[in-house]
Amino acid sequence: MGHLFFFCSLFCFGFLSQSISSSSVHHLCSPTEASALLQFKQPFEISSTSHCDTSHPKTVSWNDKKIPTEISCLSNLVSRDLSISYINGLQLDQRTFETVLQNLTNLKVVSLFGVNISSPIPMNLSFSLRNVDLKVTNLQGVLTKSFFLLPNLERLYLSNNYLLKGVLPKLHPSNTLLELDISYTGISGEVPDSIGTLSSLNRFFIGLFPSPILSLKQLDYLDLTRNSLFGPLPINISMLQKLTELDLSYNSLNGTMPSEVFSLPLLSSLSLRHNRFNGPFPQSLVNITSLVNLELS
C-alpha cells in the first residue's frame, strides 16, 4: 500500500511542481484528487526500517482499521491492492466498496483479499475491471451476473466467502475469463453447461465435480479438494490433455485407481489422498515422465 501512495503522490506532485516554472503544463491530477491523496495519507503510519527491503517502506498500521472513503476519489487509479499481505484487519464500508467497483472507470486490478467488506456484490460494475480478488472478504448476499457481464474480466477470485449464496449463472461463449475461483462459498446447484464453451478458461476452483469441466480443453489446473465427491472418477478426464496439476484429495471417490489420470501427458502434480480407491496401481503410472509430485495416501 505504501507503494501505491508513493507513486501516486510522486506522479501528482511532480506535475504540480512543474507548473511553477511553466504555466502551460497540463495537470494530470485534479485539485480534488490531490486533496484526496493528502486525506488518504493521514491514516498511515510508515515504518522507516525493513529487514527485507529498505527501498520500499512498509505500512505498519492504519488508524481505526478502516479504509478511508477518500480512496474512491482517486479516479485515475489503474490498480489497487489493499490485500491482507500488506495490512491486516482492514474494513471497507459498503458505500466505498460500491464506489470502487462501479465508478472508478480506469480501474483494472482490484485486490481486497482479507479485507472485511461484509456486504453484497454491487451491480453495474466498471467495464474496465480485468482482475478482481475478493477472497476471504466476508461477502454476503447472492452471486449475480454482474461480474460475468464484464467484457474484459480475466480473473475472478471469490473463495472462502461462506455467506455468498446463489448459483453460477449461464456464461456466454465470448466470456474472457482465464481463472475462476468460487470454492469454499455458499454457491451451489449445477454448474451450467455453458462453462464448457469458455475456451480461454484454464484454471477453475469449485465445490462440485461438474461434467462440463471436461470440455475445458485449455484447463491446466483443477482443484476439487474437500468437496464430498463420491463414486468413480470419470473415464473421460483424460480429455483434459493440458492438465499439469490435479488435486482431488479429501473426498470419497472410490473404485479402482483410474488409469485415465495417468495418461495425462503434462501432469506434474497429482493428489488423490484421503479417498476410497482400491485395487492395484495402474501400470500406466510408470509412463508419466512429467510427474514430480504424487500423493496417494
Protein backbone atom coordinates (compact mmCIF):
# COMPACT_ATOMS: atom_id res chain seq x y z
CA MET A 1 0.00 0.00 0.00
CA GLY A 2 2.99 2.22 0.67
CA HIS A 3 3.96 1.66 -2.97
CA LEU A 4 0.60 2.91 -4.16
CA PHE A 5 0.67 6.16 -2.25
CA PHE A 6 4.30 6.83 -3.08
CA PHE A 7 3.84 6.50 -6.82
CA CYS A 8 0.51 8.35 -6.92
CA SER A 9 1.97 11.16 -4.82
CA LEU A 10 5.13 11.36 -6.87
CA PHE A 11 3.11 11.43 -10.07
CA CYS A 12 0.75 14.15 -8.89
CA PHE A 13 3.13 16.41 -7.05
CA GLY A 14 5.78 16.10 -9.74
CA PHE A 15 3.40 17.71 -12.19
CA LEU A 16 2.24 20.25 -9.63
CA SER A 17 5.82 21.38 -9.05
CA GLN A 18 6.46 21.68 -12.77
CA SER A 19 3.58 24.12 -13.05
CA ILE A 20 5.57 26.65 -11.01
CA SER A 21 8.09 27.03 -13.82
CA SER A 22 5.67 26.56 -16.70
CA SER A 23 2.08 27.65 -16.71
CA SER A 24 1.44 25.68 -19.89
CA VAL A 25 1.88 22.27 -18.21
CA HIS A 26 -1.35 20.27 -18.10
CA HIS A 27 -2.07 18.96 -14.57
CA LEU A 28 -2.81 15.24 -14.64
CA CYS A 29 -4.10 15.32 -11.05
CA SER A 30 -7.14 17.46 -10.38
CA PRO A 31 -7.33 19.53 -7.18
CA THR A 32 -9.91 17.03 -5.90
CA GLU A 33 -7.55 14.11 -6.46
CA ALA A 34 -4.59 15.90 -4.92
CA SER A 35 -6.71 16.68 -1.88
CA ALA A 36 -7.86 13.07 -1.71
CA LEU A 37 -4.25 11.87 -1.74
CA LEU A 38 -3.43 14.12 1.19
CA GLN A 39 -6.53 12.95 3.06
CA PHE A 40 -5.67 9.34 2.17
CA LYS A 41 -2.15 9.72 3.55
CA GLN A 42 -3.22 10.84 7.02
CA PRO A 43 -4.25 7.44 8.45
CA PHE A 44 -0.94 5.75 7.58
CA GLU A 45 1.99 5.09 9.84
CA ILE A 46 5.05 4.20 7.76
CA SER A 47 7.89 2.15 9.10
CA SER A 48 11.28 3.57 8.16
CA THR A 49 13.03 0.25 8.66
CA SER A 50 12.58 -3.10 6.99
CA HIS A 51 14.79 -6.13 7.38
CA CYS A 52 13.89 -7.24 3.86
CA ASP A 53 13.76 -4.24 1.57
CA THR A 54 14.56 -0.76 2.84
CA SER A 55 13.83 0.81 -0.52
CA HIS A 56 10.08 0.26 -0.03
CA PRO A 57 8.80 1.46 3.38
CA LYS A 58 6.08 -0.71 4.87
CA THR A 59 2.70 0.36 6.22
CA VAL A 60 2.58 -0.87 9.81
CA SER A 61 -0.78 0.47 10.96
CA TRP A 62 -3.96 2.11 9.79
CA ASN A 63 -5.94 4.13 12.32
CA ASP A 64 -9.27 2.52 13.28
CA LYS A 65 -8.60 -0.30 10.76
CA LYS A 66 -10.99 1.35 8.29
CA ILE A 67 -10.15 2.24 4.72
CA PRO A 68 -10.97 5.96 4.31
CA THR A 69 -13.69 6.93 1.87
CA GLU A 70 -11.25 9.27 0.10
CA ILE A 71 -9.88 6.22 -1.72
CA SER A 72 -12.89 6.40 -4.01
CA CYS A 73 -11.81 9.87 -5.20
CA LEU A 74 -8.67 8.60 -6.92
CA SER A 75 -10.37 8.33 -10.29
CA ASN A 76 -7.16 7.78 -12.31
CA LEU A 77 -6.09 4.65 -10.44
CA VAL A 78 -5.49 1.62 -12.63
CA SER A 79 -4.52 -0.88 -9.90
CA ARG A 80 -5.41 -1.08 -6.23
CA ASP A 81 -4.01 -3.64 -3.77
CA LEU A 82 -5.25 -3.46 -0.18
CA SER A 83 -4.89 -7.16 0.45
CA ILE A 84 -4.05 -8.76 3.77
CA SER A 85 -0.47 -9.32 2.62
CA TYR A 86 0.13 -5.61 3.21
CA ILE A 87 -2.23 -4.62 6.01
CA ASN A 88 -4.08 -6.85 8.49
CA GLY A 89 -7.58 -6.38 9.83
CA LEU A 90 -8.86 -3.73 7.42
CA GLN A 91 -12.53 -2.90 6.97
CA LEU A 92 -14.26 -1.40 3.95
CA ASP A 93 -17.78 0.00 4.24
CA GLN A 94 -20.44 -0.90 1.69
CA ARG A 95 -20.72 2.54 0.11
CA THR A 96 -16.97 2.82 -0.57
CA PHE A 97 -16.85 -0.77 -1.84
CA GLU A 98 -19.62 0.00 -4.33
CA THR A 99 -17.91 3.19 -5.48
CA VAL A 100 -14.58 1.41 -6.04
CA LEU A 101 -16.16 -1.26 -8.26
CA GLN A 102 -18.68 0.97 -10.03
CA ASN A 103 -17.33 4.49 -10.51
CA LEU A 104 -13.55 4.16 -10.98
CA THR A 105 -13.69 3.67 -14.73
CA ASN A 106 -9.90 3.32 -15.17
CA LEU A 107 -9.50 0.62 -12.54
CA LYS A 108 -8.31 -2.71 -13.96
CA VAL A 109 -6.92 -4.59 -10.96
CA VAL A 110 -8.55 -4.80 -7.51
CA SER A 111 -7.13 -6.94 -4.70
CA LEU A 112 -9.04 -6.80 -1.42
CA PHE A 113 -8.03 -10.26 -0.18
CA GLY A 114 -8.61 -10.45 3.57
CA VAL A 115 -10.34 -7.06 3.88
CA ASN A 116 -13.58 -7.26 5.88
CA ILE A 117 -16.26 -5.99 3.46
CA SER A 118 -19.36 -7.72 4.90
CA SER A 119 -21.68 -6.54 2.13
CA PRO A 120 -23.20 -7.80 -1.15
CA ILE A 121 -21.52 -7.58 -4.54
CA PRO A 122 -22.78 -4.39 -6.23
CA MET A 123 -24.49 -4.26 -9.59
CA ASN A 124 -23.37 -2.31 -12.69
CA LEU A 125 -19.63 -2.80 -12.26
CA SER A 126 -16.98 -0.81 -14.10
CA PHE A 127 -16.27 -2.33 -17.52
CA SER A 128 -12.54 -1.63 -17.09
CA LEU A 129 -12.09 -4.39 -14.48
CA ARG A 130 -9.76 -7.22 -15.51
CA ASN A 131 -8.53 -8.88 -12.29
CA VAL A 132 -10.66 -8.97 -9.11
CA ASP A 133 -9.55 -10.69 -5.90
CA LEU A 134 -12.22 -10.75 -3.17
CA LYS A 135 -11.09 -13.87 -1.32
CA VAL A 136 -11.87 -14.01 2.42
CA THR A 137 -13.78 -10.71 2.48
CA ASN A 138 -16.99 -11.90 4.16
CA LEU A 139 -19.07 -11.17 1.06
CA GLN A 140 -22.79 -11.59 1.62
CA GLY A 141 -25.96 -11.83 -0.43
CA VAL A 142 -26.38 -13.60 -3.77
CA LEU A 143 -23.89 -14.00 -6.61
CA THR A 144 -25.32 -12.05 -9.54
CA LYS A 145 -24.42 -11.84 -13.22
CA SER A 146 -22.65 -8.50 -12.69
CA PHE A 147 -19.10 -9.90 -12.85
CA PHE A 148 -19.86 -12.24 -15.73
CA LEU A 149 -21.11 -9.41 -17.92
CA LEU A 150 -17.80 -7.54 -17.82
CA PRO A 151 -16.23 -7.58 -21.30
CA ASN A 152 -12.60 -7.62 -20.13
CA LEU A 153 -12.66 -9.68 -16.93
CA GLU A 154 -9.89 -12.31 -16.89
CA ARG A 155 -9.52 -13.39 -13.26
CA LEU A 156 -12.17 -13.56 -10.54
CA TYR A 157 -11.45 -14.92 -7.06
CA LEU A 158 -14.38 -15.21 -4.61
CA SER A 159 -13.27 -18.15 -2.46
CA ASN A 160 -13.75 -18.51 1.29
CA ASN A 161 -16.88 -16.36 1.43
CA TYR A 162 -19.30 -18.78 3.05
CA LEU A 163 -22.19 -16.30 3.22
CA LEU A 164 -22.12 -15.70 -0.54
CA LYS A 165 -25.03 -17.72 -1.96
CA GLY A 166 -26.66 -18.37 -5.32
CA VAL A 167 -25.75 -20.38 -8.41
CA LEU A 168 -23.18 -19.91 -11.13
CA PRO A 169 -25.01 -18.03 -13.91
CA LYS A 170 -25.07 -19.06 -17.54
CA LEU A 171 -21.92 -17.83 -19.26
CA HIS A 172 -21.62 -16.52 -22.81
CA PRO A 173 -19.02 -18.18 -25.07
CA SER A 174 -17.37 -14.80 -25.65
CA ASN A 175 -16.57 -14.51 -21.93
CA THR A 176 -12.88 -13.63 -21.41
CA LEU A 177 -12.35 -15.47 -18.09
CA LEU A 178 -8.99 -17.17 -17.65
CA GLU A 179 -9.29 -18.07 -13.97
CA LEU A 180 -12.37 -18.52 -11.76
CA ASP A 181 -12.37 -19.45 -8.07
CA ILE A 182 -15.70 -19.91 -6.26
CA SER A 183 -14.51 -22.64 -3.87
CA TYR A 184 -15.50 -22.61 -0.20
CA THR A 185 -18.54 -20.40 -0.75
CA GLY A 186 -22.29 -20.92 -0.38
CA ILE A 187 -22.65 -21.06 -4.18
CA SER A 188 -24.44 -24.28 -5.03
CA GLY A 189 -26.50 -26.01 -7.71
CA GLU A 190 -25.43 -27.42 -11.04
CA VAL A 191 -22.68 -25.78 -12.99
CA PRO A 192 -24.15 -24.57 -16.29
CA ASP A 193 -23.16 -26.45 -19.43
CA SER A 194 -22.14 -23.08 -20.89
CA ILE A 195 -18.94 -23.15 -18.85
CA GLY A 196 -17.71 -25.81 -21.26
CA THR A 197 -17.76 -23.20 -24.03
CA LEU A 198 -15.20 -20.93 -22.33
CA SER A 199 -12.21 -21.84 -24.44
CA SER A 200 -9.97 -19.35 -22.62
CA LEU A 201 -10.60 -20.70 -19.09
CA ASN A 202 -7.52 -22.55 -17.83
CA ARG A 203 -7.91 -22.53 -14.04
CA PHE A 204 -11.11 -23.46 -12.22
CA PHE A 205 -11.72 -23.94 -8.49
CA ILE A 206 -15.20 -25.06 -7.45
CA GLY A 207 -17.09 -27.09 -4.88
CA LEU A 208 -18.54 -29.69 -7.26
CA PHE A 209 -17.37 -32.09 -9.95
CA PRO A 210 -19.48 -30.99 -12.92
CA SER A 211 -19.16 -32.85 -16.19
CA PRO A 212 -18.96 -29.58 -18.22
CA ILE A 213 -15.46 -29.10 -16.81
CA LEU A 214 -14.29 -31.92 -19.06
CA SER A 215 -14.96 -29.70 -22.08
CA LEU A 216 -12.39 -27.14 -20.94
CA LYS A 217 -9.53 -28.29 -23.14
CA GLN A 218 -7.27 -25.40 -22.04
CA LEU A 219 -7.55 -26.24 -18.33
CA ASP A 220 -4.14 -26.70 -16.73
CA TYR A 221 -5.05 -26.60 -13.01
CA LEU A 222 -8.02 -28.28 -11.33
CA ASP A 223 -8.57 -28.26 -7.57
CA LEU A 224 -11.61 -30.11 -6.18
CA THR A 225 -10.39 -30.80 -2.63
CA ARG A 226 -12.81 -31.36 0.27
CA ASN A 227 -15.98 -31.36 -1.81
CA SER A 228 -17.65 -34.61 -0.71
CA LEU A 229 -17.23 -36.08 -4.18
CA PHE A 230 -18.15 -39.76 -4.39
CA GLY A 231 -18.28 -42.54 -6.94
CA PRO A 232 -15.67 -43.38 -9.57
CA LEU A 233 -13.62 -40.77 -11.33
CA PRO A 234 -14.97 -40.08 -14.85
CA ILE A 235 -13.09 -42.02 -17.52
CA ASN A 236 -13.14 -39.06 -19.88
CA ILE A 237 -11.00 -36.99 -17.53
CA SER A 238 -8.31 -37.96 -20.00
CA MET A 239 -9.80 -35.29 -22.28
CA LEU A 240 -8.02 -32.65 -20.19
CA GLN A 241 -4.74 -33.11 -22.02
CA LYS A 242 -3.20 -29.85 -20.79
CA LEU A 243 -3.64 -30.53 -17.07
CA THR A 244 -0.42 -30.03 -15.13
CA GLU A 245 -1.89 -30.12 -11.60
CA LEU A 246 -4.86 -32.13 -10.34
CA ASP A 247 -5.96 -32.21 -6.70
CA LEU A 248 -8.89 -34.47 -5.74
CA SER A 249 -7.85 -35.06 -2.13
CA TYR A 250 -10.17 -35.37 0.87
CA ASN A 251 -13.20 -36.70 -0.99
CA SER A 252 -14.99 -40.06 -1.10
CA LEU A 253 -14.08 -41.12 -4.63
CA ASN A 254 -13.98 -44.91 -4.95
CA GLY A 255 -13.42 -47.76 -7.36
CA THR A 256 -10.12 -48.76 -8.88
CA MET A 257 -7.34 -46.26 -9.27
CA PRO A 258 -8.18 -44.55 -12.58
CA SER A 259 -5.63 -45.38 -15.25
CA GLU A 260 -7.03 -42.49 -17.34
CA VAL A 261 -5.50 -39.96 -14.93
CA PHE A 262 -2.05 -41.43 -15.50
CA SER A 263 -2.36 -40.98 -19.24
CA LEU A 264 -2.34 -37.18 -19.00
CA PRO A 265 0.92 -36.23 -20.76
CA LEU A 266 1.73 -32.96 -18.95
CA LEU A 267 0.68 -33.91 -15.42
CA SER A 268 3.34 -32.84 -12.89
CA SER A 269 1.36 -32.91 -9.63
CA LEU A 270 -1.39 -35.35 -8.63
CA SER A 271 -3.08 -35.70 -5.24
CA LEU A 272 -5.65 -38.46 -4.69
CA ARG A 273 -5.07 -38.92 -0.97
CA HIS A 274 -7.87 -39.48 1.53
CA ASN A 275 -10.25 -41.12 -0.92
CA ARG A 276 -11.55 -44.69 -1.13
CA PHE A 277 -9.83 -46.04 -4.21
CA ASN A 278 -8.98 -49.73 -4.19
CA GLY A 279 -7.20 -52.26 -6.34
CA PRO A 280 -3.68 -52.22 -7.78
CA PHE A 281 -1.84 -49.22 -9.11
CA PRO A 282 -2.27 -48.88 -12.86
CA GLN A 283 0.84 -49.76 -14.84
CA SER A 284 0.46 -46.53 -16.79
CA LEU A 285 1.81 -44.74 -13.73
CA VAL A 286 5.38 -45.51 -14.78
CA ASN A 287 4.82 -43.80 -18.12
CA ILE A 288 4.30 -40.29 -16.72
CA THR A 289 7.77 -38.82 -17.03
CA SER A 290 6.48 -35.33 -16.19
CA LEU A 291 5.16 -36.33 -12.74
CA VAL A 292 7.02 -34.60 -9.89
CA ASN A 293 4.55 -34.76 -7.00
CA LEU A 294 2.32 -37.79 -6.27
CA GLU A 295 0.10 -38.17 -3.18
CA LEU A 296 -1.89 -41.41 -2.80
CA SER A 297 -2.07 -41.97 0.99
